[in-house]
PDBML (XML) file of the C-alpha atoms, coordinates in Angstrom:
<?xml version="1.0" encoding="UTF-8" ?>
<PDBx:datablock datablockName="MODEL"
   xmlns:PDBx="http://pdbml.pdb.org/schema/pdbx-v50.xsd"
   xmlns:xsi="http://www.w3.org/2001/XMLSchema-instance"
   xsi:schemaLocation="http://pdbml.pdb.org/schema/pdbx-v50.xsd pdbx-v50.xsd">
   <PDBx:atom_siteCategory>
      <PDBx:atom_site id="1">
         <PDBx:B_iso_or_equiv>0.00</PDBx:B_iso_or_equiv>
         <PDBx:Cartn_x>24.327</PDBx:Cartn_x>
         <PDBx:Cartn_y>7.858</PDBx:Cartn_y>
         <PDBx:Cartn_z>-8.419</PDBx:Cartn_z>
         <PDBx:auth_asym_id>A</PDBx:auth_asym_id>
         <PDBx:auth_atom_id>CA</PDBx:auth_atom_id>
         <PDBx:auth_comp_id>UNK</PDBx:auth_comp_id>
         <PDBx:auth_seq_id>1</PDBx:auth_seq_id>
         <PDBx:group_PDB>ATOM</PDBx:group_PDB>
         <PDBx:label_alt_id xsi:nil="true" />
         <PDBx:label_asym_id>A</PDBx:label_asym_id>
         <PDBx:label_atom_id>CA</PDBx:label_atom_id>
         <PDBx:label_comp_id>UNK</PDBx:label_comp_id>
         <PDBx:label_entity_id>1</PDBx:label_entity_id>
         <PDBx:label_seq_id>1</PDBx:label_seq_id>
         <PDBx:occupancy>1.00</PDBx:occupancy>
         <PDBx:pdbx_PDB_model_num>1</PDBx:pdbx_PDB_model_num>
         <PDBx:type_symbol>C</PDBx:type_symbol>
      </PDBx:atom_site>
      <PDBx:atom_site id="2">
         <PDBx:B_iso_or_equiv>0.00</PDBx:B_iso_or_equiv>
         <PDBx:Cartn_x>21.441</PDBx:Cartn_x>
         <PDBx:Cartn_y>10.223</PDBx:Cartn_y>
         <PDBx:Cartn_z>-8.232</PDBx:Cartn_z>
         <PDBx:auth_asym_id>A</PDBx:auth_asym_id>
         <PDBx:auth_atom_id>CA</PDBx:auth_atom_id>
         <PDBx:auth_comp_id>UNK</PDBx:auth_comp_id>
         <PDBx:auth_seq_id>2</PDBx:auth_seq_id>
         <PDBx:group_PDB>ATOM</PDBx:group_PDB>
         <PDBx:label_alt_id xsi:nil="true" />
         <PDBx:label_asym_id>A</PDBx:label_asym_id>
         <PDBx:label_atom_id>CA</PDBx:label_atom_id>
         <PDBx:label_comp_id>UNK</PDBx:label_comp_id>
         <PDBx:label_entity_id>1</PDBx:label_entity_id>
         <PDBx:label_seq_id>2</PDBx:label_seq_id>
         <PDBx:occupancy>1.00</PDBx:occupancy>
         <PDBx:pdbx_PDB_model_num>1</PDBx:pdbx_PDB_model_num>
         <PDBx:type_symbol>C</PDBx:type_symbol>
      </PDBx:atom_site>
      <PDBx:atom_site id="3">
         <PDBx:B_iso_or_equiv>0.00</PDBx:B_iso_or_equiv>
         <PDBx:Cartn_x>20.049</PDBx:Cartn_x>
         <PDBx:Cartn_y>8.345</PDBx:Cartn_y>
         <PDBx:Cartn_z>-11.223</PDBx:Cartn_z>
         <PDBx:auth_asym_id>A</PDBx:auth_asym_id>
         <PDBx:auth_atom_id>CA</PDBx:auth_atom_id>
         <PDBx:auth_comp_id>UNK</PDBx:auth_comp_id>
         <PDBx:auth_seq_id>3</PDBx:auth_seq_id>
         <PDBx:group_PDB>ATOM</PDBx:group_PDB>
         <PDBx:label_alt_id xsi:nil="true" />
         <PDBx:label_asym_id>A</PDBx:label_asym_id>
         <PDBx:label_atom_id>CA</PDBx:label_atom_id>
         <PDBx:label_comp_id>UNK</PDBx:label_comp_id>
         <PDBx:label_entity_id>1</PDBx:label_entity_id>
         <PDBx:label_seq_id>3</PDBx:label_seq_id>
         <PDBx:occupancy>1.00</PDBx:occupancy>
         <PDBx:pdbx_PDB_model_num>1</PDBx:pdbx_PDB_model_num>
         <PDBx:type_symbol>C</PDBx:type_symbol>
      </PDBx:atom_site>
      <PDBx:atom_site id="4">
         <PDBx:B_iso_or_equiv>0.00</PDBx:B_iso_or_equiv>
         <PDBx:Cartn_x>20.305</PDBx:Cartn_x>
         <PDBx:Cartn_y>5.076</PDBx:Cartn_y>
         <PDBx:Cartn_z>-9.206</PDBx:Cartn_z>
         <PDBx:auth_asym_id>A</PDBx:auth_asym_id>
         <PDBx:auth_atom_id>CA</PDBx:auth_atom_id>
         <PDBx:auth_comp_id>UNK</PDBx:auth_comp_id>
         <PDBx:auth_seq_id>4</PDBx:auth_seq_id>
         <PDBx:group_PDB>ATOM</PDBx:group_PDB>
         <PDBx:label_alt_id xsi:nil="true" />
         <PDBx:label_asym_id>A</PDBx:label_asym_id>
         <PDBx:label_atom_id>CA</PDBx:label_atom_id>
         <PDBx:label_comp_id>UNK</PDBx:label_comp_id>
         <PDBx:label_entity_id>1</PDBx:label_entity_id>
         <PDBx:label_seq_id>4</PDBx:label_seq_id>
         <PDBx:occupancy>1.00</PDBx:occupancy>
         <PDBx:pdbx_PDB_model_num>1</PDBx:pdbx_PDB_model_num>
         <PDBx:type_symbol>C</PDBx:type_symbol>
      </PDBx:atom_site>
      <PDBx:atom_site id="5">
         <PDBx:B_iso_or_equiv>0.00</PDBx:B_iso_or_equiv>
         <PDBx:Cartn_x>18.371</PDBx:Cartn_x>
         <PDBx:Cartn_y>6.722</PDBx:Cartn_y>
         <PDBx:Cartn_z>-6.310</PDBx:Cartn_z>
         <PDBx:auth_asym_id>A</PDBx:auth_asym_id>
         <PDBx:auth_atom_id>CA</PDBx:auth_atom_id>
         <PDBx:auth_comp_id>UNK</PDBx:auth_comp_id>
         <PDBx:auth_seq_id>5</PDBx:auth_seq_id>
         <PDBx:group_PDB>ATOM</PDBx:group_PDB>
         <PDBx:label_alt_id xsi:nil="true" />
         <PDBx:label_asym_id>A</PDBx:label_asym_id>
         <PDBx:label_atom_id>CA</PDBx:label_atom_id>
         <PDBx:label_comp_id>UNK</PDBx:label_comp_id>
         <PDBx:label_entity_id>1</PDBx:label_entity_id>
         <PDBx:label_seq_id>5</PDBx:label_seq_id>
         <PDBx:occupancy>1.00</PDBx:occupancy>
         <PDBx:pdbx_PDB_model_num>1</PDBx:pdbx_PDB_model_num>
         <PDBx:type_symbol>C</PDBx:type_symbol>
      </PDBx:atom_site>
      <PDBx:atom_site id="6">
         <PDBx:B_iso_or_equiv>0.00</PDBx:B_iso_or_equiv>
         <PDBx:Cartn_x>15.639</PDBx:Cartn_x>
         <PDBx:Cartn_y>8.049</PDBx:Cartn_y>
         <PDBx:Cartn_z>-8.734</PDBx:Cartn_z>
         <PDBx:auth_asym_id>A</PDBx:auth_asym_id>
         <PDBx:auth_atom_id>CA</PDBx:auth_atom_id>
         <PDBx:auth_comp_id>UNK</PDBx:auth_comp_id>
         <PDBx:auth_seq_id>6</PDBx:auth_seq_id>
         <PDBx:group_PDB>ATOM</PDBx:group_PDB>
         <PDBx:label_alt_id xsi:nil="true" />
         <PDBx:label_asym_id>A</PDBx:label_asym_id>
         <PDBx:label_atom_id>CA</PDBx:label_atom_id>
         <PDBx:label_comp_id>UNK</PDBx:label_comp_id>
         <PDBx:label_entity_id>1</PDBx:label_entity_id>
         <PDBx:label_seq_id>6</PDBx:label_seq_id>
         <PDBx:occupancy>1.00</PDBx:occupancy>
         <PDBx:pdbx_PDB_model_num>1</PDBx:pdbx_PDB_model_num>
         <PDBx:type_symbol>C</PDBx:type_symbol>
      </PDBx:atom_site>
      <PDBx:atom_site id="7">
         <PDBx:B_iso_or_equiv>0.00</PDBx:B_iso_or_equiv>
         <PDBx:Cartn_x>15.279</PDBx:Cartn_x>
         <PDBx:Cartn_y>4.799</PDBx:Cartn_y>
         <PDBx:Cartn_z>-10.406</PDBx:Cartn_z>
         <PDBx:auth_asym_id>A</PDBx:auth_asym_id>
         <PDBx:auth_atom_id>CA</PDBx:auth_atom_id>
         <PDBx:auth_comp_id>UNK</PDBx:auth_comp_id>
         <PDBx:auth_seq_id>7</PDBx:auth_seq_id>
         <PDBx:group_PDB>ATOM</PDBx:group_PDB>
         <PDBx:label_alt_id xsi:nil="true" />
         <PDBx:label_asym_id>A</PDBx:label_asym_id>
         <PDBx:label_atom_id>CA</PDBx:label_atom_id>
         <PDBx:label_comp_id>UNK</PDBx:label_comp_id>
         <PDBx:label_entity_id>1</PDBx:label_entity_id>
         <PDBx:label_seq_id>7</PDBx:label_seq_id>
         <PDBx:occupancy>1.00</PDBx:occupancy>
         <PDBx:pdbx_PDB_model_num>1</PDBx:pdbx_PDB_model_num>
         <PDBx:type_symbol>C</PDBx:type_symbol>
      </PDBx:atom_site>
      <PDBx:atom_site id="8">
         <PDBx:B_iso_or_equiv>0.00</PDBx:B_iso_or_equiv>
         <PDBx:Cartn_x>14.777</PDBx:Cartn_x>
         <PDBx:Cartn_y>3.052</PDBx:Cartn_y>
         <PDBx:Cartn_z>-7.069</PDBx:Cartn_z>
         <PDBx:auth_asym_id>A</PDBx:auth_asym_id>
         <PDBx:auth_atom_id>CA</PDBx:auth_atom_id>
         <PDBx:auth_comp_id>UNK</PDBx:auth_comp_id>
         <PDBx:auth_seq_id>8</PDBx:auth_seq_id>
         <PDBx:group_PDB>ATOM</PDBx:group_PDB>
         <PDBx:label_alt_id xsi:nil="true" />
         <PDBx:label_asym_id>A</PDBx:label_asym_id>
         <PDBx:label_atom_id>CA</PDBx:label_atom_id>
         <PDBx:label_comp_id>UNK</PDBx:label_comp_id>
         <PDBx:label_entity_id>1</PDBx:label_entity_id>
         <PDBx:label_seq_id>8</PDBx:label_seq_id>
         <PDBx:occupancy>1.00</PDBx:occupancy>
         <PDBx:pdbx_PDB_model_num>1</PDBx:pdbx_PDB_model_num>
         <PDBx:type_symbol>C</PDBx:type_symbol>
      </PDBx:atom_site>
      <PDBx:atom_site id="9">
         <PDBx:B_iso_or_equiv>0.00</PDBx:B_iso_or_equiv>
         <PDBx:Cartn_x>12.256</PDBx:Cartn_x>
         <PDBx:Cartn_y>5.649</PDBx:Cartn_y>
         <PDBx:Cartn_z>-5.925</PDBx:Cartn_z>
         <PDBx:auth_asym_id>A</PDBx:auth_asym_id>
         <PDBx:auth_atom_id>CA</PDBx:auth_atom_id>
         <PDBx:auth_comp_id>UNK</PDBx:auth_comp_id>
         <PDBx:auth_seq_id>9</PDBx:auth_seq_id>
         <PDBx:group_PDB>ATOM</PDBx:group_PDB>
         <PDBx:label_alt_id xsi:nil="true" />
         <PDBx:label_asym_id>A</PDBx:label_asym_id>
         <PDBx:label_atom_id>CA</PDBx:label_atom_id>
         <PDBx:label_comp_id>UNK</PDBx:label_comp_id>
         <PDBx:label_entity_id>1</PDBx:label_entity_id>
         <PDBx:label_seq_id>9</PDBx:label_seq_id>
         <PDBx:occupancy>1.00</PDBx:occupancy>
         <PDBx:pdbx_PDB_model_num>1</PDBx:pdbx_PDB_model_num>
         <PDBx:type_symbol>C</PDBx:type_symbol>
      </PDBx:atom_site>
      <PDBx:atom_site id="10">
         <PDBx:B_iso_or_equiv>0.00</PDBx:B_iso_or_equiv>
         <PDBx:Cartn_x>10.326</PDBx:Cartn_x>
         <PDBx:Cartn_y>5.083</PDBx:Cartn_y>
         <PDBx:Cartn_z>-9.092</PDBx:Cartn_z>
         <PDBx:auth_asym_id>A</PDBx:auth_asym_id>
         <PDBx:auth_atom_id>CA</PDBx:auth_atom_id>
         <PDBx:auth_comp_id>UNK</PDBx:auth_comp_id>
         <PDBx:auth_seq_id>10</PDBx:auth_seq_id>
         <PDBx:group_PDB>ATOM</PDBx:group_PDB>
         <PDBx:label_alt_id xsi:nil="true" />
         <PDBx:label_asym_id>A</PDBx:label_asym_id>
         <PDBx:label_atom_id>CA</PDBx:label_atom_id>
         <PDBx:label_comp_id>UNK</PDBx:label_comp_id>
         <PDBx:label_entity_id>1</PDBx:label_entity_id>
         <PDBx:label_seq_id>10</PDBx:label_seq_id>
         <PDBx:occupancy>1.00</PDBx:occupancy>
         <PDBx:pdbx_PDB_model_num>1</PDBx:pdbx_PDB_model_num>
         <PDBx:type_symbol>C</PDBx:type_symbol>
      </PDBx:atom_site>
      <PDBx:atom_site id="11">
         <PDBx:B_iso_or_equiv>0.00</PDBx:B_iso_or_equiv>
         <PDBx:Cartn_x>10.320</PDBx:Cartn_x>
         <PDBx:Cartn_y>1.365</PDBx:Cartn_y>
         <PDBx:Cartn_z>-8.561</PDBx:Cartn_z>
         <PDBx:auth_asym_id>A</PDBx:auth_asym_id>
         <PDBx:auth_atom_id>CA</PDBx:auth_atom_id>
         <PDBx:auth_comp_id>UNK</PDBx:auth_comp_id>
         <PDBx:auth_seq_id>11</PDBx:auth_seq_id>
         <PDBx:group_PDB>ATOM</PDBx:group_PDB>
         <PDBx:label_alt_id xsi:nil="true" />
         <PDBx:label_asym_id>A</PDBx:label_asym_id>
         <PDBx:label_atom_id>CA</PDBx:label_atom_id>
         <PDBx:label_comp_id>UNK</PDBx:label_comp_id>
         <PDBx:label_entity_id>1</PDBx:label_entity_id>
         <PDBx:label_seq_id>11</PDBx:label_seq_id>
         <PDBx:occupancy>1.00</PDBx:occupancy>
         <PDBx:pdbx_PDB_model_num>1</PDBx:pdbx_PDB_model_num>
         <PDBx:type_symbol>C</PDBx:type_symbol>
      </PDBx:atom_site>
      <PDBx:atom_site id="12">
         <PDBx:B_iso_or_equiv>0.00</PDBx:B_iso_or_equiv>
         <PDBx:Cartn_x>9.160</PDBx:Cartn_x>
         <PDBx:Cartn_y>1.602</PDBx:Cartn_y>
         <PDBx:Cartn_z>-4.992</PDBx:Cartn_z>
         <PDBx:auth_asym_id>A</PDBx:auth_asym_id>
         <PDBx:auth_atom_id>CA</PDBx:auth_atom_id>
         <PDBx:auth_comp_id>UNK</PDBx:auth_comp_id>
         <PDBx:auth_seq_id>12</PDBx:auth_seq_id>
         <PDBx:group_PDB>ATOM</PDBx:group_PDB>
         <PDBx:label_alt_id xsi:nil="true" />
         <PDBx:label_asym_id>A</PDBx:label_asym_id>
         <PDBx:label_atom_id>CA</PDBx:label_atom_id>
         <PDBx:label_comp_id>UNK</PDBx:label_comp_id>
         <PDBx:label_entity_id>1</PDBx:label_entity_id>
         <PDBx:label_seq_id>12</PDBx:label_seq_id>
         <PDBx:occupancy>1.00</PDBx:occupancy>
         <PDBx:pdbx_PDB_model_num>1</PDBx:pdbx_PDB_model_num>
         <PDBx:type_symbol>C</PDBx:type_symbol>
      </PDBx:atom_site>
      <PDBx:atom_site id="13">
         <PDBx:B_iso_or_equiv>0.00</PDBx:B_iso_or_equiv>
         <PDBx:Cartn_x>6.433</PDBx:Cartn_x>
         <PDBx:Cartn_y>3.991</PDBx:Cartn_y>
         <PDBx:Cartn_z>-6.100</PDBx:Cartn_z>
         <PDBx:auth_asym_id>A</PDBx:auth_asym_id>
         <PDBx:auth_atom_id>CA</PDBx:auth_atom_id>
         <PDBx:auth_comp_id>UNK</PDBx:auth_comp_id>
         <PDBx:auth_seq_id>13</PDBx:auth_seq_id>
         <PDBx:group_PDB>ATOM</PDBx:group_PDB>
         <PDBx:label_alt_id xsi:nil="true" />
         <PDBx:label_asym_id>A</PDBx:label_asym_id>
         <PDBx:label_atom_id>CA</PDBx:label_atom_id>
         <PDBx:label_comp_id>UNK</PDBx:label_comp_id>
         <PDBx:label_entity_id>1</PDBx:label_entity_id>
         <PDBx:label_seq_id>13</PDBx:label_seq_id>
         <PDBx:occupancy>1.00</PDBx:occupancy>
         <PDBx:pdbx_PDB_model_num>1</PDBx:pdbx_PDB_model_num>
         <PDBx:type_symbol>C</PDBx:type_symbol>
      </PDBx:atom_site>
      <PDBx:atom_site id="14">
         <PDBx:B_iso_or_equiv>0.00</PDBx:B_iso_or_equiv>
         <PDBx:Cartn_x>5.168</PDBx:Cartn_x>
         <PDBx:Cartn_y>1.667</PDBx:Cartn_y>
         <PDBx:Cartn_z>-8.706</PDBx:Cartn_z>
         <PDBx:auth_asym_id>A</PDBx:auth_asym_id>
         <PDBx:auth_atom_id>CA</PDBx:auth_atom_id>
         <PDBx:auth_comp_id>UNK</PDBx:auth_comp_id>
         <PDBx:auth_seq_id>14</PDBx:auth_seq_id>
         <PDBx:group_PDB>ATOM</PDBx:group_PDB>
         <PDBx:label_alt_id xsi:nil="true" />
         <PDBx:label_asym_id>A</PDBx:label_asym_id>
         <PDBx:label_atom_id>CA</PDBx:label_atom_id>
         <PDBx:label_comp_id>UNK</PDBx:label_comp_id>
         <PDBx:label_entity_id>1</PDBx:label_entity_id>
         <PDBx:label_seq_id>14</PDBx:label_seq_id>
         <PDBx:occupancy>1.00</PDBx:occupancy>
         <PDBx:pdbx_PDB_model_num>1</PDBx:pdbx_PDB_model_num>
         <PDBx:type_symbol>C</PDBx:type_symbol>
      </PDBx:atom_site>
      <PDBx:atom_site id="15">
         <PDBx:B_iso_or_equiv>0.00</PDBx:B_iso_or_equiv>
         <PDBx:Cartn_x>5.095</PDBx:Cartn_x>
         <PDBx:Cartn_y>-1.182</PDBx:Cartn_y>
         <PDBx:Cartn_z>-6.380</PDBx:Cartn_z>
         <PDBx:auth_asym_id>A</PDBx:auth_asym_id>
         <PDBx:auth_atom_id>CA</PDBx:auth_atom_id>
         <PDBx:auth_comp_id>UNK</PDBx:auth_comp_id>
         <PDBx:auth_seq_id>15</PDBx:auth_seq_id>
         <PDBx:group_PDB>ATOM</PDBx:group_PDB>
         <PDBx:label_alt_id xsi:nil="true" />
         <PDBx:label_asym_id>A</PDBx:label_asym_id>
         <PDBx:label_atom_id>CA</PDBx:label_atom_id>
         <PDBx:label_comp_id>UNK</PDBx:label_comp_id>
         <PDBx:label_entity_id>1</PDBx:label_entity_id>
         <PDBx:label_seq_id>15</PDBx:label_seq_id>
         <PDBx:occupancy>1.00</PDBx:occupancy>
         <PDBx:pdbx_PDB_model_num>1</PDBx:pdbx_PDB_model_num>
         <PDBx:type_symbol>C</PDBx:type_symbol>
      </PDBx:atom_site>
      <PDBx:atom_site id="16">
         <PDBx:B_iso_or_equiv>0.00</PDBx:B_iso_or_equiv>
         <PDBx:Cartn_x>3.511</PDBx:Cartn_x>
         <PDBx:Cartn_y>0.663</PDBx:Cartn_y>
         <PDBx:Cartn_z>-3.481</PDBx:Cartn_z>
         <PDBx:auth_asym_id>A</PDBx:auth_asym_id>
         <PDBx:auth_atom_id>CA</PDBx:auth_atom_id>
         <PDBx:auth_comp_id>UNK</PDBx:auth_comp_id>
         <PDBx:auth_seq_id>16</PDBx:auth_seq_id>
         <PDBx:group_PDB>ATOM</PDBx:group_PDB>
         <PDBx:label_alt_id xsi:nil="true" />
         <PDBx:label_asym_id>A</PDBx:label_asym_id>
         <PDBx:label_atom_id>CA</PDBx:label_atom_id>
         <PDBx:label_comp_id>UNK</PDBx:label_comp_id>
         <PDBx:label_entity_id>1</PDBx:label_entity_id>
         <PDBx:label_seq_id>16</PDBx:label_seq_id>
         <PDBx:occupancy>1.00</PDBx:occupancy>
         <PDBx:pdbx_PDB_model_num>1</PDBx:pdbx_PDB_model_num>
         <PDBx:type_symbol>C</PDBx:type_symbol>
      </PDBx:atom_site>
      <PDBx:atom_site id="17">
         <PDBx:B_iso_or_equiv>0.00</PDBx:B_iso_or_equiv>
         <PDBx:Cartn_x>0.650</PDBx:Cartn_x>
         <PDBx:Cartn_y>2.375</PDBx:Cartn_y>
         <PDBx:Cartn_z>-5.645</PDBx:Cartn_z>
         <PDBx:auth_asym_id>A</PDBx:auth_asym_id>
         <PDBx:auth_atom_id>CA</PDBx:auth_atom_id>
         <PDBx:auth_comp_id>UNK</PDBx:auth_comp_id>
         <PDBx:auth_seq_id>17</PDBx:auth_seq_id>
         <PDBx:group_PDB>ATOM</PDBx:group_PDB>
         <PDBx:label_alt_id xsi:nil="true" />
         <PDBx:label_asym_id>A</PDBx:label_asym_id>
         <PDBx:label_atom_id>CA</PDBx:label_atom_id>
         <PDBx:label_comp_id>UNK</PDBx:label_comp_id>
         <PDBx:label_entity_id>1</PDBx:label_entity_id>
         <PDBx:label_seq_id>17</PDBx:label_seq_id>
         <PDBx:occupancy>1.00</PDBx:occupancy>
         <PDBx:pdbx_PDB_model_num>1</PDBx:pdbx_PDB_model_num>
         <PDBx:type_symbol>C</PDBx:type_symbol>
      </PDBx:atom_site>
      <PDBx:atom_site id="18">
         <PDBx:B_iso_or_equiv>0.00</PDBx:B_iso_or_equiv>
         <PDBx:Cartn_x>0.003</PDBx:Cartn_x>
         <PDBx:Cartn_y>-1.030</PDBx:Cartn_y>
         <PDBx:Cartn_z>-7.448</PDBx:Cartn_z>
         <PDBx:auth_asym_id>A</PDBx:auth_asym_id>
         <PDBx:auth_atom_id>CA</PDBx:auth_atom_id>
         <PDBx:auth_comp_id>UNK</PDBx:auth_comp_id>
         <PDBx:auth_seq_id>18</PDBx:auth_seq_id>
         <PDBx:group_PDB>ATOM</PDBx:group_PDB>
         <PDBx:label_alt_id xsi:nil="true" />
         <PDBx:label_asym_id>A</PDBx:label_asym_id>
         <PDBx:label_atom_id>CA</PDBx:label_atom_id>
         <PDBx:label_comp_id>UNK</PDBx:label_comp_id>
         <PDBx:label_entity_id>1</PDBx:label_entity_id>
         <PDBx:label_seq_id>18</PDBx:label_seq_id>
         <PDBx:occupancy>1.00</PDBx:occupancy>
         <PDBx:pdbx_PDB_model_num>1</PDBx:pdbx_PDB_model_num>
         <PDBx:type_symbol>C</PDBx:type_symbol>
      </PDBx:atom_site>
      <PDBx:atom_site id="19">
         <PDBx:B_iso_or_equiv>0.00</PDBx:B_iso_or_equiv>
         <PDBx:Cartn_x>-0.805</PDBx:Cartn_x>
         <PDBx:Cartn_y>-2.592</PDBx:Cartn_y>
         <PDBx:Cartn_z>-4.218</PDBx:Cartn_z>
         <PDBx:auth_asym_id>A</PDBx:auth_asym_id>
         <PDBx:auth_atom_id>CA</PDBx:auth_atom_id>
         <PDBx:auth_comp_id>UNK</PDBx:auth_comp_id>
         <PDBx:auth_seq_id>19</PDBx:auth_seq_id>
         <PDBx:group_PDB>ATOM</PDBx:group_PDB>
         <PDBx:label_alt_id xsi:nil="true" />
         <PDBx:label_asym_id>A</PDBx:label_asym_id>
         <PDBx:label_atom_id>CA</PDBx:label_atom_id>
         <PDBx:label_comp_id>UNK</PDBx:label_comp_id>
         <PDBx:label_entity_id>1</PDBx:label_entity_id>
         <PDBx:label_seq_id>19</PDBx:label_seq_id>
         <PDBx:occupancy>1.00</PDBx:occupancy>
         <PDBx:pdbx_PDB_model_num>1</PDBx:pdbx_PDB_model_num>
         <PDBx:type_symbol>C</PDBx:type_symbol>
      </PDBx:atom_site>
      <PDBx:atom_site id="20">
         <PDBx:B_iso_or_equiv>0.00</PDBx:B_iso_or_equiv>
         <PDBx:Cartn_x>-2.379</PDBx:Cartn_x>
         <PDBx:Cartn_y>0.284</PDBx:Cartn_y>
         <PDBx:Cartn_z>-2.255</PDBx:Cartn_z>
         <PDBx:auth_asym_id>A</PDBx:auth_asym_id>
         <PDBx:auth_atom_id>CA</PDBx:auth_atom_id>
         <PDBx:auth_comp_id>UNK</PDBx:auth_comp_id>
         <PDBx:auth_seq_id>20</PDBx:auth_seq_id>
         <PDBx:group_PDB>ATOM</PDBx:group_PDB>
         <PDBx:label_alt_id xsi:nil="true" />
         <PDBx:label_asym_id>A</PDBx:label_asym_id>
         <PDBx:label_atom_id>CA</PDBx:label_atom_id>
         <PDBx:label_comp_id>UNK</PDBx:label_comp_id>
         <PDBx:label_entity_id>1</PDBx:label_entity_id>
         <PDBx:label_seq_id>20</PDBx:label_seq_id>
         <PDBx:occupancy>1.00</PDBx:occupancy>
         <PDBx:pdbx_PDB_model_num>1</PDBx:pdbx_PDB_model_num>
         <PDBx:type_symbol>C</PDBx:type_symbol>
      </PDBx:atom_site>
      <PDBx:atom_site id="21">
         <PDBx:B_iso_or_equiv>0.00</PDBx:B_iso_or_equiv>
         <PDBx:Cartn_x>-6.192</PDBx:Cartn_x>
         <PDBx:Cartn_y>0.147</PDBx:Cartn_y>
         <PDBx:Cartn_z>-2.410</PDBx:Cartn_z>
         <PDBx:auth_asym_id>A</PDBx:auth_asym_id>
         <PDBx:auth_atom_id>CA</PDBx:auth_atom_id>
         <PDBx:auth_comp_id>UNK</PDBx:auth_comp_id>
         <PDBx:auth_seq_id>21</PDBx:auth_seq_id>
         <PDBx:group_PDB>ATOM</PDBx:group_PDB>
         <PDBx:label_alt_id xsi:nil="true" />
         <PDBx:label_asym_id>A</PDBx:label_asym_id>
         <PDBx:label_atom_id>CA</PDBx:label_atom_id>
         <PDBx:label_comp_id>UNK</PDBx:label_comp_id>
         <PDBx:label_entity_id>1</PDBx:label_entity_id>
         <PDBx:label_seq_id>21</PDBx:label_seq_id>
         <PDBx:occupancy>1.00</PDBx:occupancy>
         <PDBx:pdbx_PDB_model_num>1</PDBx:pdbx_PDB_model_num>
         <PDBx:type_symbol>C</PDBx:type_symbol>
      </PDBx:atom_site>
      <PDBx:atom_site id="22">
         <PDBx:B_iso_or_equiv>0.00</PDBx:B_iso_or_equiv>
         <PDBx:Cartn_x>-8.091</PDBx:Cartn_x>
         <PDBx:Cartn_y>3.275</PDBx:Cartn_y>
         <PDBx:Cartn_z>-3.333</PDBx:Cartn_z>
         <PDBx:auth_asym_id>A</PDBx:auth_asym_id>
         <PDBx:auth_atom_id>CA</PDBx:auth_atom_id>
         <PDBx:auth_comp_id>UNK</PDBx:auth_comp_id>
         <PDBx:auth_seq_id>22</PDBx:auth_seq_id>
         <PDBx:group_PDB>ATOM</PDBx:group_PDB>
         <PDBx:label_alt_id xsi:nil="true" />
         <PDBx:label_asym_id>A</PDBx:label_asym_id>
         <PDBx:label_atom_id>CA</PDBx:label_atom_id>
         <PDBx:label_comp_id>UNK</PDBx:label_comp_id>
         <PDBx:label_entity_id>1</PDBx:label_entity_id>
         <PDBx:label_seq_id>22</PDBx:label_seq_id>
         <PDBx:occupancy>1.00</PDBx:occupancy>
         <PDBx:pdbx_PDB_model_num>1</PDBx:pdbx_PDB_model_num>
         <PDBx:type_symbol>C</PDBx:type_symbol>
      </PDBx:atom_site>
      <PDBx:atom_site id="23">
         <PDBx:B_iso_or_equiv>0.00</PDBx:B_iso_or_equiv>
         <PDBx:Cartn_x>-11.659</PDBx:Cartn_x>
         <PDBx:Cartn_y>2.130</PDBx:Cartn_y>
         <PDBx:Cartn_z>-3.656</PDBx:Cartn_z>
         <PDBx:auth_asym_id>A</PDBx:auth_asym_id>
         <PDBx:auth_atom_id>CA</PDBx:auth_atom_id>
         <PDBx:auth_comp_id>UNK</PDBx:auth_comp_id>
         <PDBx:auth_seq_id>23</PDBx:auth_seq_id>
         <PDBx:group_PDB>ATOM</PDBx:group_PDB>
         <PDBx:label_alt_id xsi:nil="true" />
         <PDBx:label_asym_id>A</PDBx:label_asym_id>
         <PDBx:label_atom_id>CA</PDBx:label_atom_id>
         <PDBx:label_comp_id>UNK</PDBx:label_comp_id>
         <PDBx:label_entity_id>1</PDBx:label_entity_id>
         <PDBx:label_seq_id>23</PDBx:label_seq_id>
         <PDBx:occupancy>1.00</PDBx:occupancy>
         <PDBx:pdbx_PDB_model_num>1</PDBx:pdbx_PDB_model_num>
         <PDBx:type_symbol>C</PDBx:type_symbol>
      </PDBx:atom_site>
      <PDBx:atom_site id="24">
         <PDBx:B_iso_or_equiv>0.00</PDBx:B_iso_or_equiv>
         <PDBx:Cartn_x>-12.761</PDBx:Cartn_x>
         <PDBx:Cartn_y>0.759</PDBx:Cartn_y>
         <PDBx:Cartn_z>-6.042</PDBx:Cartn_z>
         <PDBx:auth_asym_id>A</PDBx:auth_asym_id>
         <PDBx:auth_atom_id>CA</PDBx:auth_atom_id>
         <PDBx:auth_comp_id>UNK</PDBx:auth_comp_id>
         <PDBx:auth_seq_id>24</PDBx:auth_seq_id>
         <PDBx:group_PDB>ATOM</PDBx:group_PDB>
         <PDBx:label_alt_id xsi:nil="true" />
         <PDBx:label_asym_id>A</PDBx:label_asym_id>
         <PDBx:label_atom_id>CA</PDBx:label_atom_id>
         <PDBx:label_comp_id>UNK</PDBx:label_comp_id>
         <PDBx:label_entity_id>1</PDBx:label_entity_id>
         <PDBx:label_seq_id>24</PDBx:label_seq_id>
         <PDBx:occupancy>1.00</PDBx:occupancy>
         <PDBx:pdbx_PDB_model_num>1</PDBx:pdbx_PDB_model_num>
         <PDBx:type_symbol>C</PDBx:type_symbol>
      </PDBx:atom_site>
      <PDBx:atom_site id="25">
         <PDBx:B_iso_or_equiv>0.00</PDBx:B_iso_or_equiv>
         <PDBx:Cartn_x>-9.292</PDBx:Cartn_x>
         <PDBx:Cartn_y>0.220</PDBx:Cartn_y>
         <PDBx:Cartn_z>-7.628</PDBx:Cartn_z>
         <PDBx:auth_asym_id>A</PDBx:auth_asym_id>
         <PDBx:auth_atom_id>CA</PDBx:auth_atom_id>
         <PDBx:auth_comp_id>UNK</PDBx:auth_comp_id>
         <PDBx:auth_seq_id>25</PDBx:auth_seq_id>
         <PDBx:group_PDB>ATOM</PDBx:group_PDB>
         <PDBx:label_alt_id xsi:nil="true" />
         <PDBx:label_asym_id>A</PDBx:label_asym_id>
         <PDBx:label_atom_id>CA</PDBx:label_atom_id>
         <PDBx:label_comp_id>UNK</PDBx:label_comp_id>
         <PDBx:label_entity_id>1</PDBx:label_entity_id>
         <PDBx:label_seq_id>25</PDBx:label_seq_id>
         <PDBx:occupancy>1.00</PDBx:occupancy>
         <PDBx:pdbx_PDB_model_num>1</PDBx:pdbx_PDB_model_num>
         <PDBx:type_symbol>C</PDBx:type_symbol>
      </PDBx:atom_site>
   </PDBx:atom_siteCategory>
</PDBx:datablock>
């Protein structure tokens, strides 16, 4: 169950950081 939580956290982090702008990328 903890592994499932961790996988979701990583997926959320990958999604968020890929879209969040930090100039210039």
